[in-house]
Amino acid sequence: MLRTRGITVEGELQGTHWHEGGKQYYYAYVDRHGVRRECKSSDGGAERVEITYDPVNPNAATVGRRTTGWLVFGAVLILLAGSVLLAGVAFAVVGVVAVAI
């Protein structure tokens, strides 16, 4: 639901706590009605972050846009595809050289 109707606002770090072996970040943000709300997440750590919340249920909120993971995945995929392509070209060159000799 956040992807289709979510509203993105700026959140400010309020505190950090350890929870079940990991850091838990607490952010405050103001919804479109001017109500101050809080959001907690294991993502984040920056003083200011983007928080996307559901205007129908403002307590349903996430920190960030989750694009970093997709960017890393895309970069790895491009590197893998490039290495496979490069290996194919190398085998073709070796094959042509072997036939020529």
PDB file of N, CA and C in Angstrom:
ATOM      1  N   MET A   1       0.808  -1.195   0.000  1.00  0.00           N
ATOM      2  CA  MET A   1       0.000   0.000   0.000  1.00  0.00           C
ATOM      3  C   MET A   1       0.854   1.264   0.000  1.00  0.00           C
ATOM      4  N   LEU A   2       2.014   1.209   0.660  1.00  0.00           N
ATOM      5  CA  LEU A   2       2.851   2.404   0.717  1.00  0.00           C
ATOM      6  C   LEU A   2       3.351   2.791  -0.670  1.00  0.00           C
ATOM      7  N   ARG A   3       3.592   1.796  -1.514  1.00  0.00           N
ATOM      8  CA  ARG A   3       4.115   2.080  -2.850  1.00  0.00           C
ATOM      9  C   ARG A   3       3.093   2.845  -3.690  1.00  0.00           C
ATOM     10  N   THR A   4       1.808   2.537  -3.524  1.00  0.00           N
ATOM     11  CA  THR A   4       0.796   3.169  -4.366  1.00  0.00           C
ATOM     12  C   THR A   4       0.225   4.447  -3.781  1.00  0.00           C
ATOM     13  N   ARG A   5       0.015   4.505  -2.470  1.00  0.00           N
ATOM     14  CA  ARG A   5      -0.605   5.698  -1.911  1.00  0.00           C
ATOM     15  C   ARG A   5       0.206   6.345  -0.796  1.00  0.00           C
ATOM     16  N   GLY A   6       1.426   5.895  -0.606  1.00  0.00           N
ATOM     17  CA  GLY A   6       2.250   6.434   0.471  1.00  0.00           C
ATOM     18  C   GLY A   6       2.666   7.867   0.233  1.00  0.00           C
ATOM     19  N   ILE A   7       2.854   8.575   1.320  1.00  0.00           N
ATOM     20  CA  ILE A   7       3.325   9.951   1.292  1.00  0.00           C
ATOM     21  C   ILE A   7       4.715   9.963   1.924  1.00  0.00           C
ATOM     22  N   THR A   8       5.662  10.600   1.251  1.00  0.00           N
ATOM     23  CA  THR A   8       7.034  10.644   1.746  1.00  0.00           C
ATOM     24  C   THR A   8       7.315  11.997   2.371  1.00  0.00           C
ATOM     25  N   VAL A   9       7.826  11.955   3.599  1.00  0.00           N
ATOM     26  CA  VAL A   9       8.169  13.161   4.346  1.00  0.00           C
ATOM     27  C   VAL A   9       9.564  12.976   4.945  1.00  0.00           C
ATOM     28  N   GLU A  10      10.085  14.033   5.508  1.00  0.00           N
ATOM     29  CA  GLU A  10      11.387  13.945   6.159  1.00  0.00           C
ATOM     30  C   GLU A  10      11.207  13.552   7.621  1.00  0.00           C
ATOM     31  N   GLY A  11      12.035  12.613   8.052  1.00  0.00           N
ATOM     32  CA  GLY A  11      12.038  12.208   9.446  1.00  0.00           C
ATOM     33  C   GLY A  11      13.342  12.584  10.105  1.00  0.00           C
ATOM     34  N   GLU A  12      13.293  12.815  11.403  1.00  0.00           N
ATOM     35  CA  GLU A  12      14.482  13.204  12.155  1.00  0.00           C
ATOM     36  C   GLU A  12      14.769  12.159  13.223  1.00  0.00           C
ATOM     37  N   LEU A  13      16.038  11.740  13.298  1.00  0.00           N
ATOM     38  CA  LEU A  13      16.450  10.720  14.267  1.00  0.00           C
ATOM     39  C   LEU A  13      16.219  11.210  15.685  1.00  0.00           C
ATOM     40  N   GLN A  14      15.529  10.400  16.473  1.00  0.00           N
ATOM     41  CA  GLN A  14      15.244  10.728  17.866  1.00  0.00           C
ATOM     42  C   GLN A  14      16.108   9.925  18.834  1.00  0.00           C
ATOM     43  N   GLY A  15      16.517   8.746  18.398  1.00  0.00           N
ATOM     44  CA  GLY A  15      17.339   7.926  19.274  1.00  0.00           C
ATOM     45  C   GLY A  15      17.656   6.577  18.651  1.00  0.00           C
ATOM     46  N   THR A  16      18.615   5.908  19.256  1.00  0.00           N
ATOM     47  CA  THR A  16      19.041   4.583  18.805  1.00  0.00           C
ATOM     48  C   THR A  16      19.086   3.672  20.007  1.00  0.00           C
ATOM     49  N   HIS A  17      18.557   2.462  19.860  1.00  0.00           N
ATOM     50  CA  HIS A  17      18.556   1.484  20.938  1.00  0.00           C
ATOM     51  C   HIS A  17      18.929   0.123  20.373  1.00  0.00           C
ATOM     52  N   TRP A  18      19.490  -0.725  21.213  1.00  0.00           N
ATOM     53  CA  TRP A  18      19.776  -2.101  20.815  1.00  0.00           C
ATOM     54  C   TRP A  18      18.536  -2.936  21.069  1.00  0.00           C
ATOM     55  N   HIS A  19      18.162  -3.723  20.060  1.00  0.00           N
ATOM     56  CA  HIS A  19      16.979  -4.565  20.172  1.00  0.00           C
ATOM     57  C   HIS A  19      17.255  -5.895  19.480  1.00  0.00           C
ATOM     58  N   GLU A  20      17.227  -6.972  20.245  1.00  0.00           N
ATOM     59  CA  GLU A  20      17.441  -8.330  19.728  1.00  0.00           C
ATOM     60  C   GLU A  20      18.711  -8.434  18.885  1.00  0.00           C
ATOM     61  N   GLY A  21      19.797  -7.907  19.395  1.00  0.00           N
ATOM     62  CA  GLY A  21      21.095  -8.034  18.745  1.00  0.00           C
ATOM     63  C   GLY A  21      21.368  -7.041  17.632  1.00  0.00           C
ATOM     64  N   GLY A  22      20.475  -6.118  17.380  1.00  0.00           N
ATOM     65  CA  GLY A  22      20.689  -5.127  16.324  1.00  0.00           C
ATOM     66  C   GLY A  22      20.234  -3.757  16.767  1.00  0.00           C
ATOM     67  N   LYS A  23      20.647  -2.762  16.007  1.00  0.00           N
ATOM     68  CA  LYS A  23      20.249  -1.396  16.334  1.00  0.00           C
ATOM     69  C   LYS A  23      18.832  -1.130  15.847  1.00  0.00           C
ATOM     70  N   GLN A  24      18.110  -0.389  16.651  1.00  0.00           N
ATOM     71  CA  GLN A  24      16.753   0.049  16.325  1.00  0.00           C
ATOM     72  C   GLN A  24      16.779   1.577  16.325  1.00  0.00           C
ATOM     73  N   TYR A  25      16.377   2.177  15.214  1.00  0.00           N
ATOM     74  CA  TYR A  25      16.397   3.630  15.088  1.00  0.00           C
ATOM     75  C   TYR A  25      14.982   4.170  15.264  1.00  0.00           C
ATOM     76  N   TYR A  26      14.853   5.249  16.010  1.00  0.00           N
ATOM     77  CA  TYR A  26      13.561   5.877  16.247  1.00  0.00           C
ATOM     78  C   TYR A  26      13.555   7.248  15.584  1.00  0.00           C
ATOM     79  N   TYR A  27      12.582   7.450  14.705  1.00  0.00           N
ATOM     80  CA  TYR A  27      12.461   8.699  13.968  1.00  0.00           C
ATOM     81  C   TYR A  27      11.122   9.361  14.269  1.00  0.00           C
ATOM     82  N   ALA A  28      11.108  10.680  14.213  1.00  0.00           N
ATOM     83  CA  ALA A  28       9.877  11.456  14.341  1.00  0.00           C
ATOM     84  C   ALA A  28       9.613  12.127  13.000  1.00  0.00           C
ATOM     85  N   TYR A  29       8.337  12.184  12.628  1.00  0.00           N
ATOM     86  CA  TYR A  29       7.935  12.880  11.421  1.00  0.00           C
ATOM     87  C   TYR A  29       6.582  13.531  11.653  1.00  0.00           C
ATOM     88  N   VAL A  30       6.241  14.449  10.786  1.00  0.00           N
ATOM     89  CA  VAL A  30       4.956  15.149  10.877  1.00  0.00           C
ATOM     90  C   VAL A  30       4.132  14.748   9.664  1.00  0.00           C
ATOM     91  N   ASP A  31       2.912  14.232   9.902  1.00  0.00           N
ATOM     92  CA  ASP A  31       2.068  13.819   8.783  1.00  0.00           C
ATOM     93  C   ASP A  31       1.416  15.032   8.127  1.00  0.00           C
ATOM     94  N   ARG A  32       0.641  14.807   7.083  1.00  0.00           N
ATOM     95  CA  ARG A  32       0.075  15.919   6.319  1.00  0.00           C
ATOM     96  C   ARG A  32      -0.960  16.731   7.090  1.00  0.00           C
ATOM     97  N   HIS A  33      -1.412  16.210   8.234  1.00  0.00           N
ATOM     98  CA  HIS A  33      -2.357  16.937   9.076  1.00  0.00           C
ATOM     99  C   HIS A  33      -1.657  17.688  10.203  1.00  0.00           C
ATOM    100  N   GLY A  34      -0.318  17.636  10.207  1.00  0.00           N
ATOM    101  CA  GLY A  34       0.450  18.349  11.222  1.00  0.00           C
ATOM    102  C   GLY A  34       0.626  17.581  12.520  1.00  0.00           C
ATOM    103  N   VAL A  35       0.264  16.292  12.513  1.00  0.00           N
ATOM    104  CA  VAL A  35       0.400  15.468  13.713  1.00  0.00           C
ATOM    105  C   VAL A  35       1.802  14.867  13.749  1.00  0.00           C
ATOM    106  N   ARG A  36       2.476  15.012  14.871  1.00  0.00           N
ATOM    107  CA  ARG A  36       3.814  14.439  15.051  1.00  0.00           C
ATOM    108  C   ARG A  36       3.666  12.955  15.337  1.00  0.00           C
ATOM    109  N   ARG A  37       4.381  12.139  14.574  1.00  0.00           N
ATOM    110  CA  ARG A  37       4.319  10.684  14.718  1.00  0.00           C
ATOM    111  C   ARG A  37       5.733  10.126  14.838  1.00  0.00           C
ATOM    112  N   GLU A  38       5.822   8.872  15.260  1.00  0.00           N
ATOM    113  CA  GLU A  38       7.111   8.209  15.384  1.00  0.00           C
ATOM    114  C   GLU A  38       7.138   6.947  14.544  1.00  0.00           C
ATOM    115  N   CYS A  39       8.323   6.612  14.116  1.00  0.00           N
ATOM    116  CA  CYS A  39       8.547   5.422  13.298  1.00  0.00           C
ATOM    117  C   CYS A  39       9.829   4.770  13.791  1.00  0.00           C
ATOM    118  N   LYS A  40       9.808   3.462  13.962  1.00  0.00           N
ATOM    119  CA  LYS A  40      11.041   2.764  14.337  1.00  0.00           C
ATOM    120  C   LYS A  40      11.396   1.781  13.234  1.00  0.00           C
ATOM    121  N   SER A  41      12.699   1.582  13.068  1.00  0.00           N
ATOM    122  CA  SER A  41      13.173   0.723  11.989  1.00  0.00           C
ATOM    123  C   SER A  41      14.600   0.271  12.273  1.00  0.00           C
ATOM    124  N   SER A  42      14.951  -0.868  11.707  1.00  0.00           N
ATOM    125  CA  SER A  42      16.344  -1.305  11.776  1.00  0.00           C
ATOM    126  C   SER A  42      17.138  -0.681  10.633  1.00  0.00           C
ATOM    127  N   ASP A  43      16.453  -0.069   9.670  1.00  0.00           N
ATOM    128  CA  ASP A  43      17.104   0.665   8.584  1.00  0.00           C
ATOM    129  C   ASP A  43      17.313   2.100   9.025  1.00  0.00           C
ATOM    130  N   GLY A  44      18.348   2.694   8.515  1.00  0.00           N
ATOM    131  CA  GLY A  44      18.566   4.100   8.819  1.00  0.00           C
ATOM    132  C   GLY A  44      19.867   4.330   9.537  1.00  0.00           C
ATOM    133  N   GLY A  45      19.869   5.278  10.429  1.00  0.00           N
ATOM    134  CA  GLY A  45      21.063   5.665  11.158  1.00  0.00           C
ATOM    135  C   GLY A  45      21.443   7.105  10.895  1.00  0.00           C
ATOM    136  N   ALA A  46      20.930   7.663   9.780  1.00  0.00           N
ATOM    137  CA  ALA A  46      21.234   9.054   9.458  1.00  0.00           C
ATOM    138  C   ALA A  46      20.391   9.990  10.320  1.00  0.00           C
ATOM    139  N   GLU A  47      20.862  11.208  10.468  1.00  0.00           N
ATOM    140  CA  GLU A  47      20.128  12.197  11.250  1.00  0.00           C
ATOM    141  C   GLU A  47      18.770  12.511  10.618  1.00  0.00           C
ATOM    142  N   ARG A  48      18.748  12.576   9.294  1.00  0.00           N
ATOM    143  CA  ARG A  48      17.509  12.853   8.563  1.00  0.00           C
ATOM    144  C   ARG A  48      17.333  11.781   7.497  1.00  0.00           C
ATOM    145  N   VAL A  49      16.115  11.275   7.375  1.00  0.00           N
ATOM    146  CA  VAL A  49      15.805  10.238   6.396  1.00  0.00           C
ATOM    147  C   VAL A  49      14.445  10.517   5.773  1.00  0.00           C
ATOM    148  N   GLU A  50      14.177   9.836   4.670  1.00  0.00           N
ATOM    149  CA  GLU A  50      12.848   9.884   4.078  1.00  0.00           C
ATOM    150  C   GLU A  50      11.994   8.819   4.747  1.00  0.00           C
ATOM    151  N   ILE A  51      10.808   9.188   5.143  1.00  0.00           N
ATOM    152  CA  ILE A  51       9.859   8.250   5.727  1.00  0.00           C
ATOM    153  C   ILE A  51       8.621   8.261   4.851  1.00  0.00           C
ATOM    154  N   THR A  52       8.203   7.077   4.429  1.00  0.00           N
ATOM    155  CA  THR A  52       6.980   6.955   3.646  1.00  0.00           C
ATOM    156  C   THR A  52       5.925   6.339   4.544  1.00  0.00           C
ATOM    157  N   TYR A  53       4.779   7.017   4.635  1.00  0.00           N
ATOM    158  CA  TYR A  53       3.715   6.524   5.500  1.00  0.00           C
ATOM    159  C   TYR A  53       2.400   6.439   4.723  1.00  0.00           C
ATOM    160  N   ASP A  54       1.496   5.629   5.234  1.00  0.00           N
ATOM    161  CA  ASP A  54       0.176   5.445   4.644  1.00  0.00           C
ATOM    162  C   ASP A  54      -0.756   6.507   5.229  1.00  0.00           C
ATOM    163  N   PRO A  55      -1.345   7.381   4.390  1.00  0.00           N
ATOM    164  CA  PRO A  55      -2.215   8.432   4.937  1.00  0.00           C
ATOM    165  C   PRO A  55      -3.473   7.880   5.609  1.00  0.00           C
ATOM    166  N   VAL A  56      -3.904   6.682   5.226  1.00  0.00           N
ATOM    167  CA  VAL A  56      -5.073   6.064   5.865  1.00  0.00           C
ATOM    168  C   VAL A  56      -4.695   5.492   7.221  1.00  0.00           C
ATOM    169  N   ASN A  57      -3.473   4.978   7.328  1.00  0.00           N
ATOM    170  CA  ASN A  57      -2.962   4.403   8.576  1.00  0.00           C
ATOM    171  C   ASN A  57      -1.555   4.952   8.809  1.00  0.00           C
ATOM    172  N   PRO A  58      -1.418   6.156   9.345  1.00  0.00           N
ATOM    173  CA  PRO A  58      -0.108   6.796   9.479  1.00  0.00           C
ATOM    174  C   PRO A  58       0.902   6.011  10.321  1.00  0.00           C
ATOM    175  N   ASN A  59       0.444   5.070  11.121  1.00  0.00           N
ATOM    176  CA  ASN A  59       1.391   4.268  11.899  1.00  0.00           C
ATOM    177  C   ASN A  59       2.110   3.232  11.038  1.00  0.00           C
ATOM    178  N   ALA A  60       1.615   2.985   9.828  1.00  0.00           N
ATOM    179  CA  ALA A  60       2.294   2.097   8.883  1.00  0.00           C
ATOM    180  C   ALA A  60       3.279   2.944   8.093  1.00  0.00           C
ATOM    181  N   ALA A  61       4.537   2.905   8.508  1.00  0.00           N
ATOM    182  CA  ALA A  61       5.553   3.750   7.887  1.00  0.00           C
ATOM    183  C   ALA A  61       6.847   2.972   7.713  1.00  0.00           C
ATOM    184  N   THR A  62       7.620   3.345   6.705  1.00  0.00           N
ATOM    185  CA  THR A  62       8.925   2.743   6.480  1.00  0.00           C
ATOM    186  C   THR A  62       9.962   3.842   6.307  1.00  0.00           C
ATOM    187  N   VAL A  63      11.184   3.518   6.673  1.00  0.00           N
ATOM    188  CA  VAL A  63      12.298   4.450   6.534  1.00  0.00           C
ATOM    189  C   VAL A  63      12.968   4.197   5.196  1.00  0.00           C
ATOM    190  N   GLY A  64      13.204   5.257   4.441  1.00  0.00           N
ATOM    191  CA  GLY A  64      13.886   5.149   3.157  1.00  0.00           C
ATOM    192  C   GLY A  64      12.971   4.641   2.060  1.00  0.00           C
ATOM    193  N   ARG A  65      13.525   4.603   0.867  1.00  0.00           N
ATOM    194  CA  ARG A  65      12.757   4.176  -0.296  1.00  0.00           C
ATOM    195  C   ARG A  65      13.096   2.760  -0.721  1.00  0.00           C
ATOM    196  N   ARG A  66      14.002   2.124  -0.013  1.00  0.00           N
ATOM    197  CA  ARG A  66      14.409   0.753  -0.306  1.00  0.00           C
ATOM    198  C   ARG A  66      15.069   0.622  -1.679  1.00  0.00           C
ATOM    199  N   THR A  67      15.659   1.705  -2.167  1.00  0.00           N
ATOM    200  CA  THR A  67      16.290   1.639  -3.478  1.00  0.00           C
ATOM    201  C   THR A  67      17.726   1.150  -3.407  1.00  0.00           C
ATOM    202  N   THR A  68      18.367   1.282  -2.271  1.00  0.00           N
ATOM    203  CA  THR A  68      19.764   0.870  -2.157  1.00  0.00           C
ATOM    204  C   THR A  68      19.925  -0.612  -2.467  1.00  0.00           C
ATOM    205  N   GLY A  69      19.068  -1.433  -1.913  1.00  0.00           N
ATOM    206  CA  GLY A  69      19.135  -2.872  -2.181  1.00  0.00           C
ATOM    207  C   GLY A  69      18.969  -3.194  -3.644  1.00  0.00           C
ATOM    208  N   TRP A  70      18.046  -2.516  -4.294  1.00  0.00           N
ATOM    209  CA  TRP A  70      17.824  -2.760  -5.726  1.00  0.00           C
ATOM    210  C   TRP A  70      19.015  -2.288  -6.547  1.00  0.00           C
ATOM    211  N   LEU A  71      19.633  -1.187  -6.159  1.00  0.00           N
ATOM    212  CA  LEU A  71      20.812  -0.711  -6.878  1.00  0.00           C
ATOM    213  C   LEU A  71      21.976  -1.681  -6.746  1.00  0.00           C
ATOM    214  N   VAL A  72      22.188  -2.216  -5.552  1.00  0.00           N
ATOM    215  CA  VAL A  72      23.262  -3.190  -5.341  1.00  0.00           C
ATOM    216  C   VAL A  72      22.973  -4.456  -6.150  1.00  0.00           C
ATOM    217  N   PHE A  73      21.733  -4.925  -6.106  1.00  0.00           N
ATOM    218  CA  PHE A  73      21.351  -6.111  -6.871  1.00  0.00           C
ATOM    219  C   PHE A  73      21.588  -5.887  -8.368  1.00  0.00           C
ATOM    220  N   GLY A  74      21.196  -4.731  -8.874  1.00  0.00           N
ATOM    221  CA  GLY A  74      21.395  -4.426 -10.288  1.00  0.00           C
ATOM    222  C   GLY A  74      22.867  -4.367 -10.658  1.00  0.00           C
ATOM    223  N   ALA A  75      23.682  -3.772  -9.804  1.00  0.00           N
ATOM    224  CA  ALA A  75      25.126  -3.688 -10.078  1.00  0.00           C
ATOM    225  C   ALA A  75      25.754  -5.069 -10.117  1.00  0.00           C
ATOM    226  N   VAL A  76      25.380  -5.934  -9.171  1.00  0.00           N
ATOM    227  CA  VAL A  76      25.913  -7.302  -9.152  1.00  0.00           C
ATOM    228  C   VAL A  76      25.467  -8.050 -10.401  1.00  0.00           C
ATOM    229  N   LEU A  77      24.214  -7.888 -10.782  1.00  0.00           N
ATOM    230  CA  LEU A  77      23.699  -8.556 -11.973  1.00  0.00           C
ATOM    231  C   LEU A  77      24.441  -8.102 -13.224  1.00  0.00           C
ATOM    232  N   ILE A  78      24.707  -6.812 -13.338  1.00  0.00           N
ATOM    233  CA  ILE A  78      25.448  -6.292 -14.489  1.00  0.00           C
ATOM    234  C   ILE A  78      26.875  -6.827 -14.500  1.00  0.00           C
ATOM    235  N   LEU A  79      27.516  -6.885 -13.335  1.00  0.00           N
ATOM    236  CA  LEU A  79      28.878  -7.421 -13.271  1.00  0.00           C
ATOM    237  C   LEU A  79      28.918  -8.893 -13.662  1.00  0.00           C
ATOM    238  N   LEU A  80      27.943  -9.663 -13.184  1.00  0.00           N
ATOM    239  CA  LEU A  80      27.899 -11.080 -13.544  1.00  0.00           C
ATOM    240  C   LEU A  80      27.663 -11.270 -15.036  1.00  0.00           C
ATOM    241  N   ALA A  81      26.737 -10.524 -15.593  1.00  0.00           N
ATOM    242  CA  ALA A  81      26.461 -10.633 -17.025  1.00  0.00           C
ATOM    243  C   ALA A  81      27.681 -10.208 -17.835  1.00  0.00           C
ATOM    244  N   GLY A  82      28.345  -9.157 -17.394  1.00  0.00           N
ATOM    245  CA  GLY A  82      29.553  -8.697 -18.082  1.00  0.00           C
ATOM    246  C   GLY A  82      30.674  -9.724 -18.027  1.00  0.00           C
ATOM    247  N   SER A  83      30.834 -10.375 -16.881  1.00  0.00           N
ATOM    248  CA  SER A  83      31.901 -11.377 -16.779  1.00  0.00           C
ATOM    249  C   SER A  83      31.591 -12.602 -17.638  1.00  0.00           C
ATOM    250  N   VAL A  84      30.330 -13.000 -17.731  1.00  0.00           N
ATOM    251  CA  VAL A  84      29.958 -14.123 -18.598  1.00  0.00           C
ATOM    252  C   VAL A  84      30.212 -13.752 -20.053  1.00  0.00           C
ATOM    253  N   LEU A  85      29.846 -12.546 -20.437  1.00  0.00           N
ATOM    254  CA  LEU A  85      30.087 -12.080 -21.800  1.00  0.00           C
ATOM    255  C   LEU A  85      31.575 -12.014 -22.101  1.00  0.00           C
ATOM    256  N   LEU A  86      32.352 -11.497 -21.160  1.00  0.00           N
ATOM    257  CA  LEU A  86      33.795 -11.404 -21.338  1.00  0.00           C
ATOM    258  C   LEU A  86      34.426 -12.790 -21.460  1.00  0.00           C
ATOM    259  N   ALA A  87      33.954 -13.745 -20.651  1.00  0.00           N
ATOM    260  CA  ALA A  87      34.467 -15.122 -20.739  1.00  0.00           C
ATOM    261  C   ALA A  87      34.136 -15.727 -22.093  1.00  0.00           C
ATOM    262  N   GLY A  88      32.953 -15.473 -22.599  1.00  0.00           N
ATOM    263  CA  GLY A  88      32.575 -15.984 -23.923  1.00  0.00           C
ATOM    264  C   GLY A  88      33.457 -15.416 -25.010  1.00  0.00           C
ATOM    265  N   VAL A  89      33.741 -14.129 -24.945  1.00  0.00           N
ATOM    266  CA  VAL A  89      34.621 -13.498 -25.940  1.00  0.00           C
ATOM    267  C   VAL A  89      36.025 -14.076 -25.830  1.00  0.00           C
ATOM    268  N   ALA A  90      36.494 -14.293 -24.619  1.00  0.00           N
ATOM    269  CA  ALA A  90      37.839 -14.857 -24.427  1.00  0.00           C
ATOM    270  C   ALA A  90      37.927 -16.263 -25.022  1.00  0.00           C
ATOM    271  N   PHE A  91      36.920 -17.100 -24.786  1.00  0.00           N
ATOM    272  CA  PHE A  91      36.916 -18.443 -25.366  1.00  0.00           C
ATOM    273  C   PHE A  91      36.866 -18.388 -26.886  1.00  0.00           C
ATOM    274  N   ALA A  92      36.138 -17.446 -27.445  1.00  0.00           N
ATOM    275  CA  ALA A  92      36.067 -17.311 -28.905  1.00  0.00           C
ATOM    276  C   ALA A  92      37.423 -16.914 -29.473  1.00  0.00           C
ATOM    277  N   VAL A  93      38.095 -15.989 -28.807  1.00  0.00           N
ATOM    278  CA  VAL A  93      39.418 -15.547 -29.274  1.00  0.00           C
ATOM    279  C   VAL A  93      40.420 -16.697 -29.180  1.00  0.00           C
ATOM    280  N   VAL A  94      40.394 -17.435 -28.093  1.00  0.00           N
ATOM    281  CA  VAL A  94      41.309 -18.572 -27.922  1.00  0.00           C
ATOM    282  C   VAL A  94      41.030 -19.622 -29.006  1.00  0.00           C
ATOM    283  N   GLY A  95      39.740 -19.840 -29.295  1.00  0.00           N
ATOM    284  CA  GLY A  95      39.386 -20.807 -30.333  1.00  0.00           C
ATOM    285  C   GLY A  95      39.882 -20.401 -31.703  1.00  0.00           C
ATOM    286  N   VAL A  96      39.759 -19.140 -32.044  1.00  0.00           N
ATOM    287  CA  VAL A  96      40.222 -18.627 -33.345  1.00  0.00           C
ATOM    288  C   VAL A  96      41.740 -18.724 -33.426  1.00  0.00           C
ATOM    289  N   VAL A  97      42.444 -18.384 -32.365  1.00  0.00           N
ATOM    290  CA  VAL A  97      43.911 -18.464 -32.337  1.00  0.00           C
ATOM    291  C   VAL A  97      44.352 -19.919 -32.462  1.00  0.00           C
ATOM    292  N   ALA A  98      43.647 -20.828 -31.769  1.00  0.00           N
ATOM    293  CA  ALA A  98      44.013 -22.247 -31.836  1.00  0.00           C
ATOM    294  C   ALA A  98      43.821 -22.796 -33.249  1.00  0.00           C
ATOM    295  N   VAL A  99      42.782 -22.383 -33.944  1.00  0.00           N
ATOM    296  CA  VAL A  99      42.529 -22.842 -35.320  1.00  0.00           C
ATOM    297  C   VAL A  99      43.559 -22.260 -36.244  1.00  0.00           C
ATOM    298  N   ALA A 100      43.977 -21.026 -36.022  1.00  0.00           N
ATOM    299  CA  ALA A 100      44.954 -20.368 -36.888  1.00  0.00           C
ATOM    300  C   ALA A 100      46.345 -20.949 -36.754  1.00  0.00           C
ATOM    301  N   ILE A 101      46.628 -21.543 -35.614  1.00  0.00           N
ATOM    302  CA  ILE A 101      47.978 -22.089 -35.408  1.00  0.00           C
ATOM    303  C   ILE A 101      48.036 -23.410 -36.002  1.00  0.00           C
TER     304      ILE A 101
END
